Every structure is written in C-alpha cells, then in structure tokens.
C-alpha atoms as a PDB file:
ATOM      1  CA  MET A   1       0.000  -0.001  -0.328  1.00  0.00           C
ATOM      2  CA  GLU A   2       1.456   3.638  -1.319  1.00  0.00           C
ATOM      3  CA  MET A   3      -0.101   6.482   0.883  1.00  0.00           C
ATOM      4  CA  LEU A   4      -0.540   9.659  -1.056  1.00  0.00           C
ATOM      5  CA  SER A   5      -2.200  12.130   1.162  1.00  0.00           C
ATOM      6  CA  VAL A   6      -4.358  12.913   4.120  1.00  0.00           C
ATOM      7  CA  THR A   7      -7.567  15.353   4.084  1.00  0.00           C
ATOM      8  CA  VAL A   8      -8.467  16.298   7.535  1.00  0.00           C
ATOM      9  CA  ILE A   9     -10.621  18.995   8.956  1.00  0.00           C
ATOM     10  CA  ARG A  10      -9.038  21.418  11.418  1.00  0.00           C
ATOM     11  CA  GLU A  11      -9.878  24.454  13.235  1.00  0.00           C
ATOM     12  CA  LYS A  12      -7.715  27.407  13.027  1.00  0.00           C
ATOM     13  CA  THR A  13      -7.820  31.128  14.802  1.00  0.00           C
ATOM     14  CA  VAL A  14      -6.959  34.291  13.231  1.00  0.00           C
ATOM     15  CA  SER A  15      -6.406  37.781  12.836  1.00  0.00           C
ATOM     16  CA  LEU A  16      -8.233  39.471  10.222  1.00  0.00           C
ATOM     17  CA  THR A  17      -8.319  43.218   9.431  1.00  0.00           C
ATOM     18  CA  HIS A  18     -11.575  44.489   8.473  1.00  0.00           C
ATOM     19  CA  GLY A  19     -11.828  45.882   4.840  1.00  0.00           C
ATOM     20  CA  PRO A  20     -11.753  49.604   4.018  1.00  0.00           C
ATOM     21  CA  TYR A  21     -15.642  49.970   4.494  1.00  0.00           C
ATOM     22  CA  GLN A  22     -18.815  48.978   5.731  1.00  0.00           C
ATOM     23  CA  GLY A  23     -20.007  45.622   4.484  1.00  0.00           C
ATOM     24  CA  ALA A  24     -16.697  44.886   2.720  1.00  0.00           C
ATOM     25  CA  PHE A  25     -15.782  40.990   2.445  1.00  0.00           C
ATOM     26  CA  ASP A  26     -12.278  40.111   4.246  1.00  0.00           C
ATOM     27  CA  PRO A  27     -10.584  37.039   2.699  1.00  0.00           C
ATOM     28  CA  LEU A  28      -9.779  34.153   4.805  1.00  0.00           C
ATOM     29  CA  PRO A  29      -6.209  33.029   4.741  1.00  0.00           C
ATOM     30  CA  ASP A  30      -7.033  29.396   3.417  1.00  0.00           C
ATOM     31  CA  ASN A  31      -8.929  27.929   0.949  1.00  0.00           C
ATOM     32  CA  SER A  32     -11.663  25.399   1.413  1.00  0.00           C
ATOM     33  CA  ILE A  33     -13.776  26.687   4.574  1.00  0.00           C
ATOM     34  CA  SER A  34     -16.308  24.584   5.912  1.00  0.00           C
ATOM     35  CA  GLU A  35     -17.796  26.986   8.549  1.00  0.00           C
ATOM     36  CA  ILE A  36     -16.818  30.025  10.907  1.00  0.00           C
ATOM     37  CA  ILE A  37     -17.042  28.904  14.150  1.00  0.00           C
ATOM     38  CA  GLN A  38     -16.861  32.242  16.222  1.00  0.00           C
ATOM     39  CA  ILE A  39     -15.862  35.852  15.449  1.00  0.00           C
ATOM     40  CA  SER A  40     -15.127  38.358  17.726  1.00  0.00           C
ATOM     41  CA  GLN A  41     -13.607  41.786  18.688  1.00  0.00           C
ATOM     42  CA  ALA A  42     -13.151  43.412  22.119  1.00  0.00           C
ATOM     43  CA  GLY A  43     -15.695  41.486  23.667  1.00  0.00           C
ATOM     44  CA  THR A  44     -18.428  41.965  21.198  1.00  0.00           C
ATOM     45  CA  THR A  45     -19.455  38.235  19.562  1.00  0.00           C
ATOM     46  CA  TYR A  46     -21.069  38.417  16.161  1.00  0.00           C
ATOM     47  CA  THR A  47     -23.872  36.382  15.127  1.00  0.00           C
ATOM     48  CA  ALA A  48     -23.931  34.457  11.901  1.00  0.00           C
ATOM     49  CA  ASN A  49     -26.564  35.376   9.367  1.00  0.00           C
ATOM     50  CA  ASP A  50     -27.253  38.062  11.299  1.00  0.00           C
ATOM     51  CA  ASP A  51     -24.282  39.897  11.494  1.00  0.00           C
ATOM     52  CA  TYR A  52     -22.074  38.077   8.732  1.00  0.00           C
ATOM     53  CA  VAL A  53     -22.160  34.948   6.228  1.00  0.00           C
ATOM     54  CA  LEU A  54     -19.750  33.118   4.853  1.00  0.00           C
ATOM     55  CA  ASN A  55     -19.075  33.588   0.902  1.00  0.00           C
ATOM     56  CA  GLY A  56     -16.833  31.101  -0.456  1.00  0.00           C
ATOM     57  CA  ASP A  57     -13.436  32.243   1.442  1.00  0.00           C
ATOM     58  CA  GLN A  58     -14.215  35.387   2.589  1.00  0.00           C
ATOM     59  CA  VAL A  59     -16.081  36.933   5.629  1.00  0.00           C
ATOM     60  CA  ASP A  60     -19.346  38.756   3.913  1.00  0.00           C
ATOM     61  CA  TRP A  61     -20.232  41.649   6.218  1.00  0.00           C
ATOM     62  CA  GLY A  62     -23.331  42.709   4.139  1.00  0.00           C
ATOM     63  CA  ALA A  63     -25.783  41.440   6.257  1.00  0.00           C
ATOM     64  CA  ASP A  64     -27.828  44.563   7.979  1.00  0.00           C
ATOM     65  CA  GLY A  65     -26.079  43.406  11.502  1.00  0.00           C
ATOM     66  CA  ARG A  66     -22.858  44.639  13.490  1.00  0.00           C
ATOM     67  CA  GLU A  67     -19.887  44.967  11.735  1.00  0.00           C
ATOM     68  CA  PRO A  68     -16.276  45.883  13.189  1.00  0.00           C
ATOM     69  CA  ALA A  69     -15.011  49.014  12.288  1.00  0.00           C
ATOM     70  CA  PRO A  70     -13.231  49.534   8.705  1.00  0.00           C
ATOM     71  CA  GLY A  71      -9.545  49.113   8.860  1.00  0.00           C
ATOM     72  CA  SER A  72      -9.858  47.417  12.532  1.00  0.00           C
ATOM     73  CA  SER A  73      -8.993  43.788  13.443  1.00  0.00           C
ATOM     74  CA  TYR A  74     -10.926  40.708  14.979  1.00  0.00           C
ATOM     75  CA  GLU A  75     -10.608  37.104  15.931  1.00  0.00           C
ATOM     76  CA  LEU A  76     -11.763  34.586  13.715  1.00  0.00           C
ATOM     77  CA  THR A  77     -12.350  31.028  14.429  1.00  0.00           C
ATOM     78  CA  TYR A  78     -12.907  28.592  11.396  1.00  0.00           C
ATOM     79  CA  ARG A  79     -12.695  24.925  10.279  1.00  0.00           C
ATOM     80  CA  THR A  80     -10.823  24.364   6.765  1.00  0.00           C
ATOM     81  CA  LEU A  81     -10.019  21.432   4.390  1.00  0.00           C
ATOM     82  CA  ASP A  82      -6.338  20.640   4.912  1.00  0.00           C
ATOM     83  CA  GLN A  83      -4.322  18.351   3.323  1.00  0.00           C
ATOM     84  CA  ASP A  84      -1.261  16.675   4.645  1.00  0.00           C
ATOM     85  CA  ALA A  85       1.159  14.614   3.467  1.00  0.00           C
ATOM     86  CA  PRO A  86       1.496  11.213   5.688  1.00  0.00           C
ATOM     87  CA  THR A  87       4.521  10.576   7.831  1.00  0.00           C
ATOM     88  CA  ASP A  88       3.936   8.035  10.086  1.00  0.00           C
ATOM     89  CA  TRP A  89       1.538   5.329   8.642  1.00  0.00           C
ATOM     90  CA  ASP A  90       1.511   1.629   7.944  1.00  0.00           C
ATOM     91  CA  GLU A  91      -0.725  -1.306   7.214  1.00  0.00           C
ATOM     92  CA  ASN A  92      -2.464  -0.881  10.885  1.00  0.00           C
ATOM     93  CA  GLY A  93      -2.744   2.843  11.294  1.00  0.00           C
ATOM     94  CA  LEU A  94      -1.632   6.215  10.866  1.00  0.00           C
ATOM     95  CA  VAL A  95      -1.579   9.327  13.375  1.00  0.00           C
ATOM     96  CA  VAL A  96      -2.785  13.199  12.175  1.00  0.00           C
ATOM     97  CA  ALA A  97      -2.200  15.548  14.050  1.00  0.00           C
ATOM     98  CA  ASP A  98      -4.896  18.825  15.278  1.00  0.00           C
ATOM     99  CA  VAL A  99      -7.981  17.434  13.779  1.00  0.00           C
ATOM    100  CA  VAL A 100     -11.172  18.116  14.867  1.00  0.00           C
ATOM    101  CA  PRO A 101     -12.596  15.503  16.753  1.00  0.00           C
ATOM    102  CA  GLY A 102     -15.738  13.526  15.626  1.00  0.00           C
ATOM    103  CA  SER A 103     -14.738  15.049  11.367  1.00  0.00           C
ATOM    104  CA  THR A 104     -14.025  13.421   8.598  1.00  0.00           C
ATOM    105  CA  VAL A 105     -10.833  12.230   7.603  1.00  0.00           C
ATOM    106  CA  ILE A 106     -10.114  11.187   3.901  1.00  0.00           C
ATOM    107  CA  LEU A 107      -7.296   8.770   3.096  1.00  0.00           C
ATOM    108  CA  ASN A 108      -6.088   9.036  -1.054  1.00  0.00           C
ATOM    109  CA  TYR A 109      -3.890   5.424  -1.121  1.00  0.00           C
ATOM    110  CA  LYS A 110      -2.515   2.510  -3.513  1.00  0.00           C
ATOM    111  CA  TRP A 111      -3.262  -0.594  -2.627  1.00  0.00           C
ATOM    112  CA  ALA A 112      -2.807  -3.955  -4.597  1.00  0.00           C
ATOM    113  CA  LEU A 113      -5.554  -6.189  -4.246  1.00  0.00           C
ATOM    114  CA  PRO A 114      -5.016 -10.067  -2.829  1.00  0.00           C
ATOM    115  CA  ARG A 115      -4.307 -12.288  -5.621  1.00  0.00           C
ATOM    116  CA  MET A 116      -3.661 -16.362  -5.602  1.00  0.00           C
ATOM    117  CA  ASP A 117      -0.867 -17.634  -8.194  1.00  0.00           C
ATOM    118  CA  ALA A 118      -0.448 -20.903  -9.122  1.00  0.00           C
ATOM    119  CA  ILE A 119       3.127 -23.167  -9.766  1.00  0.00           C
ATOM    120  CA  CYS A 120       2.833 -25.897 -12.476  1.00  0.00           C
ATOM    121  CA  VAL A 121       5.052 -28.560 -14.662  1.00  0.00           C
ATOM    122  CA  ASP A 122       4.600 -29.734 -17.716  1.00  0.00           C
ATOM    123  CA  ARG A 123       5.425 -33.608 -18.933  1.00  0.00           C
ATOM    124  CA  GLU A 124       8.619 -31.899 -20.219  1.00  0.00           C
ATOM    125  CA  GLY A 125       9.653 -30.801 -16.274  1.00  0.00           C
ATOM    126  CA  HIS A 126       9.244 -26.962 -17.424  1.00  0.00           C
ATOM    127  CA  VAL A 127       7.807 -24.905 -14.503  1.00  0.00           C
ATOM    128  CA  SER A 128       6.250 -21.982 -14.634  1.00  0.00           C
ATOM    129  CA  TYR A 129       4.231 -19.236 -12.723  1.00  0.00           C
ATOM    130  CA  LEU A 130       0.767 -18.624 -13.832  1.00  0.00           C
ATOM    131  CA  LYS A 131      -1.091 -14.917 -12.105  1.00  0.00           C
ATOM    132  CA  GLY A 132      -4.572 -15.140 -11.007  1.00  0.00           C
ATOM    133  CA  VAL A 133      -7.356 -12.775 -10.553  1.00  0.00           C
ATOM    134  CA  ALA A 134      -7.099 -10.252  -8.076  1.00  0.00           C
ATOM    135  CA  SER A 135     -10.139  -9.686  -5.741  1.00  0.00           C
ATOM    136  CA  SER A 136     -10.553  -7.611  -2.542  1.00  0.00           C
ATOM    137  CA  TYR A 137     -12.595 -10.349  -1.791  1.00  0.00           C
ATOM    138  CA  ALA A 138     -12.323 -13.449  -3.310  1.00  0.00           C
ATOM    139  CA  PRO A 139      -9.379 -13.895  -5.737  1.00  0.00           C
ATOM    140  CA  TRP A 140      -9.749 -16.842  -8.281  1.00  0.00           C
ATOM    141  CA  ALA A 141      -6.807 -19.235  -8.512  1.00  0.00           C
ATOM    142  CA  PRO A 142      -5.600 -19.987 -12.489  1.00  0.00           C
ATOM    143  CA  GLU A 143      -6.567 -23.203 -13.543  1.00  0.00           C
ATOM    144  CA  PRO A 144      -3.244 -24.706 -15.080  1.00  0.00           C
ATOM    145  CA  ALA A 145      -3.346 -26.164 -18.927  1.00  0.00           C
ATOM    146  CA  LEU A 146      -4.695 -29.510 -19.328  1.00  0.00           C
ATOM    147  CA  ASP A 147      -0.835 -30.613 -19.870  1.00  0.00           C
ATOM    148  CA  GLN A 148       0.262 -29.196 -16.799  1.00  0.00           C
ATOM    149  CA  LEU A 149      -0.029 -30.209 -13.113  1.00  0.00           C
ATOM    150  CA  ARG A 150      -0.191 -27.745 -10.265  1.00  0.00           C
ATOM    151  CA  ILE A 151       2.182 -28.261  -7.703  1.00  0.00           C
ATOM    152  CA  ALA A 152       1.951 -25.237  -5.723  1.00  0.00           C
ATOM    153  CA  LYS A 153      -0.999 -22.169  -4.834  1.00  0.00           C
ATOM    154  CA  ILE A 154       0.706 -18.947  -4.069  1.00  0.00           C
ATOM    155  CA  VAL A 155      -1.368 -16.949  -1.716  1.00  0.00           C
ATOM    156  CA  ASN A 156      -0.037 -13.128  -2.275  1.00  0.00           C
ATOM    157  CA  ARG A 157      -1.525 -10.764   0.849  1.00  0.00           C
ATOM    158  CA  TRP A 158       0.584  -7.749  -0.305  1.00  0.00           C
ATOM    159  CA  GLY A 159       2.745  -6.328   2.972  1.00  0.00           C
ATOM    160  CA  HIS A 160       3.318  -9.998   3.751  1.00  0.00           C
ATOM    161  CA  GLY A 161       5.453 -12.488   2.550  1.00  0.00           C
ATOM    162  CA  PRO A 162       3.482 -14.923   0.218  1.00  0.00           C
ATOM    163  CA  GLU A 163       1.755 -17.947   1.183  1.00  0.00           C
ATOM    164  CA  VAL A 164       2.978 -21.172  -0.369  1.00  0.00           C
ATOM    165  CA  ILE A 165       0.301 -24.103  -0.562  1.00  0.00           C
ATOM    166  CA  ASN A 166       1.560 -27.635  -1.765  1.00  0.00           C
ATOM    167  CA  SER A 167      -0.985 -28.691  -3.812  1.00  0.00           C
ATOM    168  CA  GLY A 168       0.728 -31.273  -6.186  1.00  0.00           C
ATOM    169  CA  THR A 169      -0.496 -34.748  -6.548  1.00  0.00           C
ATOM    170  CA  ARG A 170       0.979 -37.094  -4.647  1.00  0.00           C
ATOM    171  CA  ALA A 171       1.608 -40.603  -5.490  1.00  0.00           C
ATOM    172  CA  VAL A 172       0.401 -43.211  -2.937  1.00  0.00           C
ATOM    173  CA  HIS A 173       0.902 -46.707  -2.321  1.00  0.00           C
ATOM    174  CA  ASN A 174      -1.946 -49.543  -3.530  1.00  0.00           C
ATOM    175  CA  ASN A 175      -1.363 -51.286  -0.126  1.00  0.00           C
ATOM    176  CA  ARG A 176      -2.600 -47.922   1.478  1.00  0.00           C
ATOM    177  CA  LEU A 177      -5.484 -47.242  -1.298  1.00  0.00           C
ATOM    178  CA  GLU A 178      -6.877 -50.690  -0.626  1.00  0.00           C
ATOM    179  CA  LEU A 179      -6.293 -50.005   3.448  1.00  0.00           C
ATOM    180  CA  GLN A 180      -8.161 -46.690   3.496  1.00  0.00           C
ATOM    181  CA  VAL A 181     -10.961 -47.854   1.268  1.00  0.00           C
ATOM    182  CA  ALA A 182     -11.586 -51.364   3.364  1.00  0.00           C
ATOM    183  CA  HIS A 183     -12.026 -48.504   6.199  1.00  0.00           C
ATOM    184  CA  ASN A 184     -14.048 -46.315   4.220  1.00  0.00           C
ATOM    185  CA  LYS A 185     -16.390 -49.770   3.686  1.00  0.00           C
ATOM    186  CA  ARG A 186     -16.473 -50.587   7.138  1.00  0.00           C
ATOM    187  CA  ASP A 187     -17.475 -47.372   8.397  1.00  0.00           C
ATOM    188  CA  PHE A 188     -20.414 -47.180   5.697  1.00  0.00           C
ATOM    189  CA  ASP A 189     -21.785 -50.351   6.540  1.00  0.00           C
ATOM    190  CA  GLU A 190     -22.249 -49.689  10.044  1.00  0.00           C
END
C-alpha cells in the first residue's frame, strides 16, 4: 500500500483586518472553509447570518447587522479542509495531529488486491508461474492447462510474505489405498 495524502478538517484562529468600508468582504487565509465557528472583537461576539455570512472563502459583512469598524482587527475561528502528506503510517493505521474530533478523515492511497497464483509443471519438466485474478474479497486461482500439473498455490497478500500451499498430486502406495477403501467401507456398513 502507498499512502498519497490525508485530508482532514482543522480548526484555526486568526486575526483579520476588516476591509476599508462598511459591508466589505474579508478574505480568509485558507481555501476550502467549511464553517466559521466564531468572530469576536473586544468582547463583542458577532452572530452568523445576522451580522455576517461565509461567502466562499471570505467573510461577507453585507448583512444588516453589526460589524467591526473598517480597518480594525478582529479574531476569527474557522474550520478548513487541510491536506497533509502522511508521515507516520503503516498497514494498521496512521497518526494525524490537530484534527477536529469526530470529523471526517479522507485517505488517498494506492493498494494491491490479494491474488492467488499457481506454480505448474508440464510433461517435459518445464515449470511455469501462472498469475490468478486479483479481488478484494475472493481472488481466483488460475487453472493450469490440460498438459500441466499444479504443484503449489501462492497466496499473495501484499505487505506480507507470500503463503505457499503445496497442492501437487502425491503418489500413494496401493496397499495404503486398499486399506483406506476397506476402512471407509466398514464405516459405511456400520
């Protein structure tokens, strides 16, 4: 698996300077703003939709309510989508700092589907490796040609070593076959 990026929601607090006139738009320092949590100035807390609205990535003070004086500074807390390059991850998980609790985390990654392969031998003793069909839930093992004998299945779960399953035909002595047949017949008759 290759981790490409992690997109998270972060909460940030910044100090902004209000535009030069009443009803101005104040641009925020980030893109992809999901919501404004709070705007305050010198003990005054402004109300969403009554005093301001989030318009794209800007604070729109065009509402009929209160607003900071033009050119004055105010504090703004907002949530934004933030993309990180993953640094501390493995196949069991990852660690991302400063994420809003309970928010969505979007992972962008490449991974390989599990696959079951086969090792076969033909009449001349030539060994071949047949690749199966990969699937996330039920990989298919390849079927050898009529003139080939499968001697092993190889189970590939990427990130782990391959598992080799001996599946070749074994020679069994006739005496042992006869003993097994007699034993099975006795169990059947009882």
